[in-house]
Amino acid sequence: MMTKTIGAVRNKTLPALTTACVMSLLMAGGAVAAPKGQSPAKDQHFITEAIEGDLSEVNMGKLAQQKGQSDQVKQFGQALQQDHGEHLQKAQQLASQNGMKVPSEPNKQQQAIYNKLEGMSGDRFDRAFAKAMVSDHEKDIKKYQKEAAANSPLSDFAQQTVPVLQKHLDMAKSLGK
């Protein structure tokens, strides 16, 4: 008789326990599979900085082509203008698709660096330009790597940009040699 009771309890309890365990795993898995995304304010901040940076780099590229003494600086300026011009279009499109504001000019700090470089010429311009581009691209790479690691609509965009920024950083460093 005891055997029948144990069998009956097992037949009712085992399916209930199995269901409870499966539900617990599904609920826990769902929490892990859907991490919190980045806030829209952070996305807006990133895209604003990206677009301002692109606007600045396009201007800097043009300036390097005009004021650069060495062919290397002029060629780097051309690469900046082309790469950041293309990137700017993608960033503006992404911002529009996500309902974000799109700035129309570089920020004040970027404009101040441009104005300072604009007043230089020759070797002095080349050295100051190279230094500014190294500093700028080092900062940009950190920002883009951080954004690439975030769970946001802009993560893939940031991830795809890092190699281009690294190429620019390497080119800028080679100007100082």
N, C-alpha and C. Protein backbone atom coordinates (compact mmCIF):
# COMPACT_ATOMS: atom_id res chain seq x y z
N MET A 1 0.81 -1.18 0.00
CA MET A 1 0.00 0.00 0.00
C MET A 1 0.86 1.25 0.00
N MET A 2 1.92 1.21 0.74
CA MET A 2 2.84 2.33 0.80
C MET A 2 3.44 2.59 -0.57
N THR A 3 3.70 1.56 -1.33
CA THR A 3 4.28 1.70 -2.65
C THR A 3 3.32 2.43 -3.58
N LYS A 4 2.01 2.14 -3.48
CA LYS A 4 1.03 2.82 -4.32
C LYS A 4 0.98 4.31 -3.99
N THR A 5 1.09 4.66 -2.71
CA THR A 5 1.04 6.06 -2.28
C THR A 5 2.25 6.81 -2.81
N ILE A 6 3.42 6.22 -2.68
CA ILE A 6 4.64 6.87 -3.18
C ILE A 6 4.55 7.05 -4.68
N GLY A 7 4.07 6.06 -5.40
CA GLY A 7 3.92 6.15 -6.85
C GLY A 7 2.94 7.25 -7.24
N ALA A 8 1.84 7.38 -6.51
CA ALA A 8 0.84 8.40 -6.82
C ALA A 8 1.40 9.80 -6.58
N VAL A 9 2.14 9.96 -5.47
CA VAL A 9 2.75 11.25 -5.17
C VAL A 9 3.78 11.60 -6.23
N ARG A 10 4.59 10.62 -6.59
CA ARG A 10 5.62 10.84 -7.61
C ARG A 10 4.99 11.26 -8.94
N ASN A 11 3.90 10.61 -9.33
CA ASN A 11 3.25 10.93 -10.60
C ASN A 11 2.66 12.34 -10.63
N LYS A 12 2.23 12.86 -9.48
CA LYS A 12 1.66 14.21 -9.42
C LYS A 12 2.73 15.27 -9.17
N THR A 13 3.70 14.95 -8.35
CA THR A 13 4.70 15.92 -7.94
C THR A 13 5.78 16.13 -9.01
N LEU A 14 6.22 15.08 -9.63
CA LEU A 14 7.30 15.20 -10.61
C LEU A 14 6.95 16.13 -11.77
N PRO A 15 5.79 16.01 -12.39
CA PRO A 15 5.46 16.95 -13.46
C PRO A 15 5.36 18.40 -12.96
N ALA A 16 4.84 18.58 -11.76
CA ALA A 16 4.72 19.94 -11.22
C ALA A 16 6.10 20.53 -10.97
N LEU A 17 7.02 19.75 -10.43
CA LEU A 17 8.39 20.22 -10.19
C LEU A 17 9.10 20.51 -11.51
N THR A 18 8.91 19.64 -12.48
CA THR A 18 9.53 19.85 -13.79
C THR A 18 9.05 21.15 -14.41
N THR A 19 7.75 21.38 -14.35
CA THR A 19 7.18 22.62 -14.90
C THR A 19 7.74 23.83 -14.17
N ALA A 20 7.83 23.75 -12.84
CA ALA A 20 8.36 24.87 -12.06
C ALA A 20 9.82 25.15 -12.42
N CYS A 21 10.61 24.10 -12.57
CA CYS A 21 12.02 24.28 -12.93
C CYS A 21 12.17 24.90 -14.32
N VAL A 22 11.40 24.39 -15.27
CA VAL A 22 11.48 24.92 -16.64
C VAL A 22 11.06 26.38 -16.66
N MET A 23 9.99 26.72 -15.95
CA MET A 23 9.54 28.12 -15.91
C MET A 23 10.61 29.02 -15.27
N SER A 24 11.23 28.54 -14.21
CA SER A 24 12.28 29.33 -13.55
C SER A 24 13.45 29.58 -14.50
N LEU A 25 13.85 28.55 -15.23
CA LEU A 25 14.95 28.70 -16.18
C LEU A 25 14.58 29.66 -17.31
N LEU A 26 13.36 29.55 -17.80
CA LEU A 26 12.94 30.45 -18.87
C LEU A 26 12.90 31.90 -18.39
N MET A 27 12.40 32.10 -17.18
CA MET A 27 12.33 33.46 -16.66
C MET A 27 13.73 34.02 -16.43
N ALA A 28 14.62 33.21 -15.90
CA ALA A 28 16.00 33.67 -15.66
C ALA A 28 16.70 33.91 -16.99
N GLY A 29 16.49 33.02 -17.95
CA GLY A 29 17.10 33.18 -19.26
C GLY A 29 16.62 34.43 -19.96
N GLY A 30 15.35 34.75 -19.81
CA GLY A 30 14.80 35.96 -20.41
C GLY A 30 15.44 37.20 -19.82
N ALA A 31 15.70 37.18 -18.54
CA ALA A 31 16.32 38.35 -17.90
C ALA A 31 17.75 38.53 -18.39
N VAL A 32 18.44 37.44 -18.63
CA VAL A 32 19.81 37.53 -19.11
C VAL A 32 19.84 37.91 -20.58
N ALA A 33 18.89 37.41 -21.35
CA ALA A 33 18.91 37.64 -22.79
C ALA A 33 18.49 39.06 -23.18
N ALA A 34 17.86 39.79 -22.28
CA ALA A 34 17.40 41.13 -22.62
C ALA A 34 17.96 42.17 -21.67
N PRO A 35 19.27 42.47 -21.78
CA PRO A 35 19.84 43.47 -20.89
C PRO A 35 19.26 44.84 -21.20
N LYS A 36 19.33 45.69 -20.22
CA LYS A 36 18.81 47.04 -20.42
C LYS A 36 19.62 47.75 -21.49
N GLY A 37 18.92 48.45 -22.35
CA GLY A 37 19.58 49.22 -23.40
C GLY A 37 20.06 50.55 -22.86
N GLN A 38 20.84 51.20 -23.67
CA GLN A 38 21.35 52.52 -23.32
C GLN A 38 20.20 53.52 -23.41
N SER A 39 20.23 54.54 -22.61
CA SER A 39 19.15 55.52 -22.62
C SER A 39 19.18 56.35 -23.90
N PRO A 40 18.01 56.81 -24.34
CA PRO A 40 17.96 57.66 -25.53
C PRO A 40 18.82 58.92 -25.39
N ALA A 41 18.94 59.45 -24.18
CA ALA A 41 19.77 60.65 -23.97
C ALA A 41 21.24 60.34 -24.26
N LYS A 42 21.71 59.16 -23.87
CA LYS A 42 23.10 58.78 -24.14
C LYS A 42 23.31 58.56 -25.64
N ASP A 43 22.32 57.96 -26.30
CA ASP A 43 22.41 57.78 -27.74
C ASP A 43 22.48 59.14 -28.44
N GLN A 44 21.64 60.07 -28.01
CA GLN A 44 21.64 61.41 -28.60
C GLN A 44 22.99 62.09 -28.39
N HIS A 45 23.54 61.95 -27.18
CA HIS A 45 24.84 62.55 -26.87
C HIS A 45 25.93 61.97 -27.79
N PHE A 46 25.92 60.66 -27.96
CA PHE A 46 26.93 60.02 -28.80
C PHE A 46 26.80 60.48 -30.25
N ILE A 47 25.59 60.46 -30.79
CA ILE A 47 25.43 60.82 -32.21
C ILE A 47 25.74 62.29 -32.42
N THR A 48 25.44 63.14 -31.44
CA THR A 48 25.79 64.56 -31.55
C THR A 48 27.30 64.71 -31.63
N GLU A 49 28.02 64.03 -30.74
CA GLU A 49 29.48 64.09 -30.76
C GLU A 49 30.05 63.52 -32.05
N ALA A 50 29.44 62.44 -32.54
CA ALA A 50 29.92 61.81 -33.78
C ALA A 50 29.77 62.77 -34.96
N ILE A 51 28.61 63.40 -35.06
CA ILE A 51 28.37 64.30 -36.18
C ILE A 51 29.23 65.56 -36.07
N GLU A 52 29.32 66.12 -34.88
CA GLU A 52 30.20 67.28 -34.69
C GLU A 52 31.64 66.93 -35.05
N GLY A 53 32.07 65.74 -34.64
CA GLY A 53 33.42 65.29 -34.95
C GLY A 53 33.64 65.15 -36.45
N ASP A 54 32.66 64.56 -37.13
CA ASP A 54 32.78 64.42 -38.58
C ASP A 54 32.83 65.78 -39.28
N LEU A 55 31.97 66.69 -38.85
CA LEU A 55 31.99 68.04 -39.43
C LEU A 55 33.35 68.69 -39.24
N SER A 56 33.90 68.53 -38.04
CA SER A 56 35.22 69.08 -37.73
C SER A 56 36.31 68.44 -38.58
N GLU A 57 36.28 67.12 -38.69
CA GLU A 57 37.32 66.40 -39.44
C GLU A 57 37.27 66.73 -40.93
N VAL A 58 36.08 66.91 -41.48
CA VAL A 58 35.97 67.31 -42.88
C VAL A 58 36.63 68.68 -43.07
N ASN A 59 36.32 69.60 -42.15
CA ASN A 59 36.94 70.94 -42.22
C ASN A 59 38.45 70.87 -42.04
N MET A 60 38.90 70.05 -41.09
CA MET A 60 40.34 69.89 -40.85
C MET A 60 41.03 69.29 -42.07
N GLY A 61 40.36 68.34 -42.71
CA GLY A 61 40.92 67.74 -43.92
C GLY A 61 41.12 68.76 -45.02
N LYS A 62 40.11 69.61 -45.21
CA LYS A 62 40.22 70.67 -46.22
C LYS A 62 41.36 71.63 -45.87
N LEU A 63 41.44 71.99 -44.59
CA LEU A 63 42.49 72.90 -44.13
C LEU A 63 43.88 72.31 -44.36
N ALA A 64 44.03 71.01 -44.07
CA ALA A 64 45.33 70.35 -44.27
C ALA A 64 45.72 70.34 -45.74
N GLN A 65 44.75 70.18 -46.61
CA GLN A 65 45.05 70.20 -48.04
C GLN A 65 45.48 71.59 -48.51
N GLN A 66 44.95 72.62 -47.86
CA GLN A 66 45.29 73.99 -48.23
C GLN A 66 46.60 74.45 -47.60
N LYS A 67 46.79 74.15 -46.31
CA LYS A 67 47.90 74.73 -45.54
C LYS A 67 49.06 73.78 -45.33
N GLY A 68 48.84 72.50 -45.56
CA GLY A 68 49.90 71.53 -45.29
C GLY A 68 51.13 71.78 -46.15
N GLN A 69 52.28 71.61 -45.53
CA GLN A 69 53.53 71.77 -46.27
C GLN A 69 53.93 70.46 -46.93
N SER A 70 53.83 69.37 -46.18
CA SER A 70 54.26 68.08 -46.72
C SER A 70 53.13 67.40 -47.50
N ASP A 71 53.53 66.57 -48.44
CA ASP A 71 52.55 65.80 -49.21
C ASP A 71 51.78 64.84 -48.31
N GLN A 72 52.48 64.31 -47.28
CA GLN A 72 51.83 63.39 -46.34
C GLN A 72 50.65 64.07 -45.64
N VAL A 73 50.85 65.29 -45.19
CA VAL A 73 49.79 66.03 -44.50
C VAL A 73 48.63 66.29 -45.46
N LYS A 74 48.95 66.66 -46.68
CA LYS A 74 47.90 66.93 -47.67
C LYS A 74 47.11 65.66 -48.00
N GLN A 75 47.82 64.54 -48.14
CA GLN A 75 47.15 63.27 -48.42
C GLN A 75 46.29 62.83 -47.24
N PHE A 76 46.79 63.03 -46.04
CA PHE A 76 46.01 62.70 -44.85
C PHE A 76 44.76 63.58 -44.79
N GLY A 77 44.92 64.84 -45.12
CA GLY A 77 43.78 65.75 -45.17
C GLY A 77 42.72 65.27 -46.14
N GLN A 78 43.16 64.79 -47.28
CA GLN A 78 42.22 64.26 -48.27
C GLN A 78 41.50 63.03 -47.73
N ALA A 79 42.23 62.15 -47.06
CA ALA A 79 41.62 60.95 -46.46
C ALA A 79 40.60 61.34 -45.39
N LEU A 80 40.96 62.32 -44.56
CA LEU A 80 40.02 62.79 -43.53
C LEU A 80 38.74 63.32 -44.16
N GLN A 81 38.91 64.16 -45.16
CA GLN A 81 37.74 64.76 -45.81
C GLN A 81 36.84 63.68 -46.41
N GLN A 82 37.43 62.72 -47.09
CA GLN A 82 36.65 61.68 -47.74
C GLN A 82 36.00 60.74 -46.71
N ASP A 83 36.80 60.17 -45.81
CA ASP A 83 36.28 59.19 -44.85
C ASP A 83 35.24 59.80 -43.91
N HIS A 84 35.55 60.98 -43.38
CA HIS A 84 34.60 61.59 -42.44
C HIS A 84 33.39 62.16 -43.17
N GLY A 85 33.55 62.52 -44.43
CA GLY A 85 32.39 62.95 -45.22
C GLY A 85 31.40 61.81 -45.40
N GLU A 86 31.92 60.63 -45.73
CA GLU A 86 31.07 59.44 -45.87
C GLU A 86 30.45 59.06 -44.53
N HIS A 87 31.26 59.10 -43.49
CA HIS A 87 30.78 58.75 -42.15
C HIS A 87 29.70 59.73 -41.69
N LEU A 88 29.88 60.99 -42.01
CA LEU A 88 28.91 62.03 -41.65
C LEU A 88 27.54 61.71 -42.24
N GLN A 89 27.52 61.31 -43.50
CA GLN A 89 26.24 60.97 -44.14
C GLN A 89 25.56 59.80 -43.43
N LYS A 90 26.34 58.78 -43.07
CA LYS A 90 25.78 57.63 -42.36
C LYS A 90 25.26 58.03 -40.99
N ALA A 91 26.03 58.86 -40.29
CA ALA A 91 25.63 59.30 -38.94
C ALA A 91 24.36 60.13 -39.00
N GLN A 92 24.28 61.02 -39.97
CA GLN A 92 23.07 61.85 -40.11
C GLN A 92 21.86 61.00 -40.44
N GLN A 93 22.04 60.01 -41.29
CA GLN A 93 20.94 59.12 -41.66
C GLN A 93 20.49 58.31 -40.44
N LEU A 94 21.43 57.79 -39.70
CA LEU A 94 21.12 57.01 -38.50
C LEU A 94 20.40 57.86 -37.47
N ALA A 95 20.85 59.08 -37.30
CA ALA A 95 20.19 60.00 -36.36
C ALA A 95 18.75 60.25 -36.78
N SER A 96 18.55 60.50 -38.05
CA SER A 96 17.19 60.75 -38.56
C SER A 96 16.29 59.53 -38.37
N GLN A 97 16.82 58.35 -38.66
CA GLN A 97 16.04 57.11 -38.51
C GLN A 97 15.63 56.87 -37.06
N ASN A 98 16.43 57.35 -36.13
CA ASN A 98 16.15 57.14 -34.71
C ASN A 98 15.54 58.37 -34.04
N GLY A 99 15.12 59.34 -34.85
CA GLY A 99 14.45 60.52 -34.32
C GLY A 99 15.34 61.41 -33.46
N MET A 100 16.61 61.47 -33.79
CA MET A 100 17.56 62.26 -33.00
C MET A 100 17.87 63.59 -33.69
N LYS A 101 18.25 64.56 -32.89
CA LYS A 101 18.65 65.87 -33.42
C LYS A 101 19.99 65.75 -34.13
N VAL A 102 20.15 66.52 -35.19
CA VAL A 102 21.38 66.49 -35.98
C VAL A 102 22.05 67.86 -35.93
N PRO A 103 23.24 67.96 -35.30
CA PRO A 103 23.94 69.25 -35.27
C PRO A 103 24.41 69.65 -36.67
N SER A 104 24.61 70.95 -36.85
CA SER A 104 25.00 71.43 -38.18
C SER A 104 26.40 72.02 -38.23
N GLU A 105 27.09 72.02 -37.09
CA GLU A 105 28.46 72.56 -37.07
C GLU A 105 29.26 71.90 -35.96
N PRO A 106 30.60 71.98 -36.07
CA PRO A 106 31.45 71.44 -35.00
C PRO A 106 31.18 72.16 -33.68
N ASN A 107 31.59 71.54 -32.57
CA ASN A 107 31.41 72.21 -31.28
C ASN A 107 32.46 73.33 -31.12
N LYS A 108 32.32 74.11 -30.08
CA LYS A 108 33.18 75.28 -29.87
C LYS A 108 34.65 74.90 -29.71
N GLN A 109 34.92 73.82 -29.00
CA GLN A 109 36.31 73.39 -28.80
C GLN A 109 36.94 72.99 -30.14
N GLN A 110 36.21 72.25 -30.94
CA GLN A 110 36.72 71.85 -32.26
C GLN A 110 36.96 73.07 -33.15
N GLN A 111 36.04 74.02 -33.07
CA GLN A 111 36.18 75.24 -33.88
C GLN A 111 37.39 76.05 -33.42
N ALA A 112 37.66 76.06 -32.12
CA ALA A 112 38.82 76.80 -31.59
C ALA A 112 40.13 76.18 -32.10
N ILE A 113 40.19 74.85 -32.14
CA ILE A 113 41.39 74.18 -32.66
C ILE A 113 41.57 74.51 -34.14
N TYR A 114 40.47 74.48 -34.88
CA TYR A 114 40.52 74.83 -36.30
C TYR A 114 41.04 76.25 -36.49
N ASN A 115 40.49 77.18 -35.71
CA ASN A 115 40.90 78.59 -35.83
C ASN A 115 42.38 78.77 -35.53
N LYS A 116 42.87 78.04 -34.53
CA LYS A 116 44.29 78.12 -34.16
C LYS A 116 45.15 77.60 -35.32
N LEU A 117 44.78 76.45 -35.87
CA LEU A 117 45.55 75.87 -36.97
C LEU A 117 45.47 76.74 -38.23
N GLU A 118 44.34 77.36 -38.43
CA GLU A 118 44.15 78.20 -39.61
C GLU A 118 45.15 79.36 -39.66
N GLY A 119 45.58 79.81 -38.48
CA GLY A 119 46.55 80.90 -38.40
C GLY A 119 47.99 80.46 -38.57
N MET A 120 48.23 79.19 -38.78
CA MET A 120 49.60 78.67 -38.93
C MET A 120 49.88 78.33 -40.39
N SER A 121 51.17 78.10 -40.65
CA SER A 121 51.55 77.66 -42.00
C SER A 121 52.84 76.85 -41.92
N GLY A 122 53.18 76.23 -43.04
CA GLY A 122 54.44 75.51 -43.16
C GLY A 122 54.58 74.35 -42.19
N ASP A 123 55.83 74.16 -41.77
CA ASP A 123 56.16 73.05 -40.87
C ASP A 123 55.43 73.19 -39.53
N ARG A 124 55.26 74.42 -39.09
CA ARG A 124 54.55 74.66 -37.82
C ARG A 124 53.12 74.13 -37.91
N PHE A 125 52.46 74.38 -39.04
CA PHE A 125 51.11 73.86 -39.24
C PHE A 125 51.14 72.33 -39.23
N ASP A 126 52.05 71.74 -39.98
CA ASP A 126 52.11 70.28 -40.08
C ASP A 126 52.25 69.63 -38.72
N ARG A 127 53.16 70.16 -37.89
CA ARG A 127 53.38 69.57 -36.56
C ARG A 127 52.15 69.73 -35.66
N ALA A 128 51.58 70.93 -35.65
CA ALA A 128 50.41 71.19 -34.80
C ALA A 128 49.19 70.38 -35.28
N PHE A 129 49.05 70.26 -36.57
CA PHE A 129 47.95 69.48 -37.15
C PHE A 129 48.08 68.01 -36.76
N ALA A 130 49.28 67.46 -36.91
CA ALA A 130 49.52 66.05 -36.56
C ALA A 130 49.21 65.81 -35.08
N LYS A 131 49.68 66.71 -34.23
CA LYS A 131 49.44 66.57 -32.79
C LYS A 131 47.94 66.62 -32.48
N ALA A 132 47.23 67.55 -33.09
CA ALA A 132 45.79 67.67 -32.87
C ALA A 132 45.05 66.42 -33.34
N MET A 133 45.46 65.86 -34.47
CA MET A 133 44.78 64.69 -35.02
C MET A 133 45.05 63.44 -34.19
N VAL A 134 46.26 63.32 -33.64
CA VAL A 134 46.56 62.18 -32.75
C VAL A 134 45.67 62.27 -31.52
N SER A 135 45.65 63.42 -30.88
CA SER A 135 44.85 63.61 -29.68
C SER A 135 43.37 63.35 -29.95
N ASP A 136 42.87 63.93 -31.02
CA ASP A 136 41.46 63.80 -31.36
C ASP A 136 41.07 62.35 -31.64
N HIS A 137 41.87 61.65 -32.41
CA HIS A 137 41.52 60.28 -32.77
C HIS A 137 41.69 59.31 -31.61
N GLU A 138 42.61 59.58 -30.71
CA GLU A 138 42.71 58.74 -29.50
C GLU A 138 41.43 58.86 -28.68
N LYS A 139 40.94 60.07 -28.50
CA LYS A 139 39.69 60.29 -27.76
C LYS A 139 38.51 59.64 -28.48
N ASP A 140 38.46 59.82 -29.79
CA ASP A 140 37.35 59.27 -30.57
C ASP A 140 37.30 57.75 -30.49
N ILE A 141 38.45 57.11 -30.57
CA ILE A 141 38.49 55.65 -30.51
C ILE A 141 37.90 55.17 -29.19
N LYS A 142 38.25 55.81 -28.09
CA LYS A 142 37.69 55.42 -26.78
C LYS A 142 36.17 55.58 -26.75
N LYS A 143 35.67 56.69 -27.28
CA LYS A 143 34.22 56.93 -27.31
C LYS A 143 33.51 55.86 -28.15
N TYR A 144 34.06 55.59 -29.31
CA TYR A 144 33.42 54.63 -30.22
C TYR A 144 33.50 53.21 -29.67
N GLN A 145 34.60 52.85 -29.01
CA GLN A 145 34.69 51.52 -28.41
C GLN A 145 33.67 51.37 -27.29
N LYS A 146 33.50 52.42 -26.51
CA LYS A 146 32.50 52.39 -25.43
C LYS A 146 31.10 52.23 -26.01
N GLU A 147 30.80 52.97 -27.05
CA GLU A 147 29.48 52.89 -27.68
C GLU A 147 29.28 51.53 -28.33
N ALA A 148 30.32 50.98 -28.93
CA ALA A 148 30.22 49.67 -29.57
C ALA A 148 29.87 48.59 -28.56
N ALA A 149 30.32 48.75 -27.32
CA ALA A 149 30.05 47.76 -26.27
C ALA A 149 28.67 47.95 -25.64
N ALA A 150 28.04 49.09 -25.88
CA ALA A 150 26.72 49.37 -25.30
C ALA A 150 25.64 48.65 -26.11
N ASN A 151 24.53 48.40 -25.45
CA ASN A 151 23.38 47.81 -26.14
C ASN A 151 22.51 48.96 -26.62
N SER A 152 22.81 49.46 -27.82
CA SER A 152 22.05 50.60 -28.33
C SER A 152 21.88 50.46 -29.84
N PRO A 153 20.99 51.26 -30.41
CA PRO A 153 20.82 51.23 -31.86
C PRO A 153 22.08 51.69 -32.61
N LEU A 154 23.02 52.28 -31.89
CA LEU A 154 24.22 52.84 -32.52
C LEU A 154 25.45 51.94 -32.36
N SER A 155 25.31 50.82 -31.67
CA SER A 155 26.46 49.95 -31.38
C SER A 155 27.16 49.43 -32.63
N ASP A 156 26.39 48.93 -33.59
CA ASP A 156 27.00 48.41 -34.82
C ASP A 156 27.72 49.51 -35.60
N PHE A 157 27.08 50.66 -35.66
CA PHE A 157 27.66 51.82 -36.33
C PHE A 157 29.01 52.16 -35.70
N ALA A 158 29.05 52.20 -34.38
CA ALA A 158 30.28 52.52 -33.66
C ALA A 158 31.35 51.45 -33.91
N GLN A 159 30.94 50.20 -33.85
CA GLN A 159 31.87 49.07 -34.06
C GLN A 159 32.52 49.16 -35.45
N GLN A 160 31.74 49.50 -36.45
CA GLN A 160 32.26 49.58 -37.82
C GLN A 160 33.18 50.77 -38.02
N THR A 161 33.07 51.77 -37.17
CA THR A 161 33.86 53.00 -37.31
C THR A 161 35.25 52.88 -36.69
N VAL A 162 35.40 52.06 -35.67
CA VAL A 162 36.67 51.98 -34.94
C VAL A 162 37.86 51.70 -35.85
N PRO A 163 37.80 50.76 -36.79
CA PRO A 163 38.97 50.51 -37.65
C PRO A 163 39.38 51.74 -38.49
N VAL A 164 38.41 52.51 -38.94
CA VAL A 164 38.73 53.72 -39.72
C VAL A 164 39.42 54.74 -38.83
N LEU A 165 38.91 54.91 -37.62
CA LEU A 165 39.54 55.84 -36.68
C LEU A 165 40.96 55.39 -36.34
N GLN A 166 41.15 54.08 -36.19
CA GLN A 166 42.48 53.54 -35.89
C GLN A 166 43.43 53.81 -37.05
N LYS A 167 42.94 53.65 -38.27
CA LYS A 167 43.75 53.94 -39.46
C LYS A 167 44.16 55.42 -39.47
N HIS A 168 43.22 56.29 -39.14
CA HIS A 168 43.53 57.72 -39.09
C HIS A 168 44.55 58.03 -37.99
N LEU A 169 44.39 57.38 -36.85
CA LEU A 169 45.35 57.59 -35.76
C LEU A 169 46.75 57.16 -36.19
N ASP A 170 46.85 56.02 -36.82
CA ASP A 170 48.16 55.54 -37.30
C ASP A 170 48.76 56.51 -38.32
N MET A 171 47.92 57.02 -39.20
CA MET A 171 48.40 57.99 -40.20
C MET A 171 48.87 59.28 -39.52
N ALA A 172 48.10 59.75 -38.54
CA ALA A 172 48.46 60.99 -37.83
C ALA A 172 49.78 60.81 -37.08
N LYS A 173 49.96 59.65 -36.46
CA LYS A 173 51.21 59.39 -35.74
C LYS A 173 52.40 59.35 -36.71
N SER A 174 52.19 58.85 -37.90
CA SER A 174 53.29 58.77 -38.86
C SER A 174 53.68 60.15 -39.39
N LEU A 175 52.80 61.13 -39.27
CA LEU A 175 53.12 62.49 -39.71
C LEU A 175 54.18 63.13 -38.82
N GLY A 176 54.20 62.76 -37.58
CA GLY A 176 55.14 63.35 -36.63
C GLY A 176 56.53 62.76 -36.72
N LYS A 177 56.75 61.80 -37.60
CA LYS A 177 58.06 61.15 -37.69
C LYS A 177 58.91 61.76 -38.76
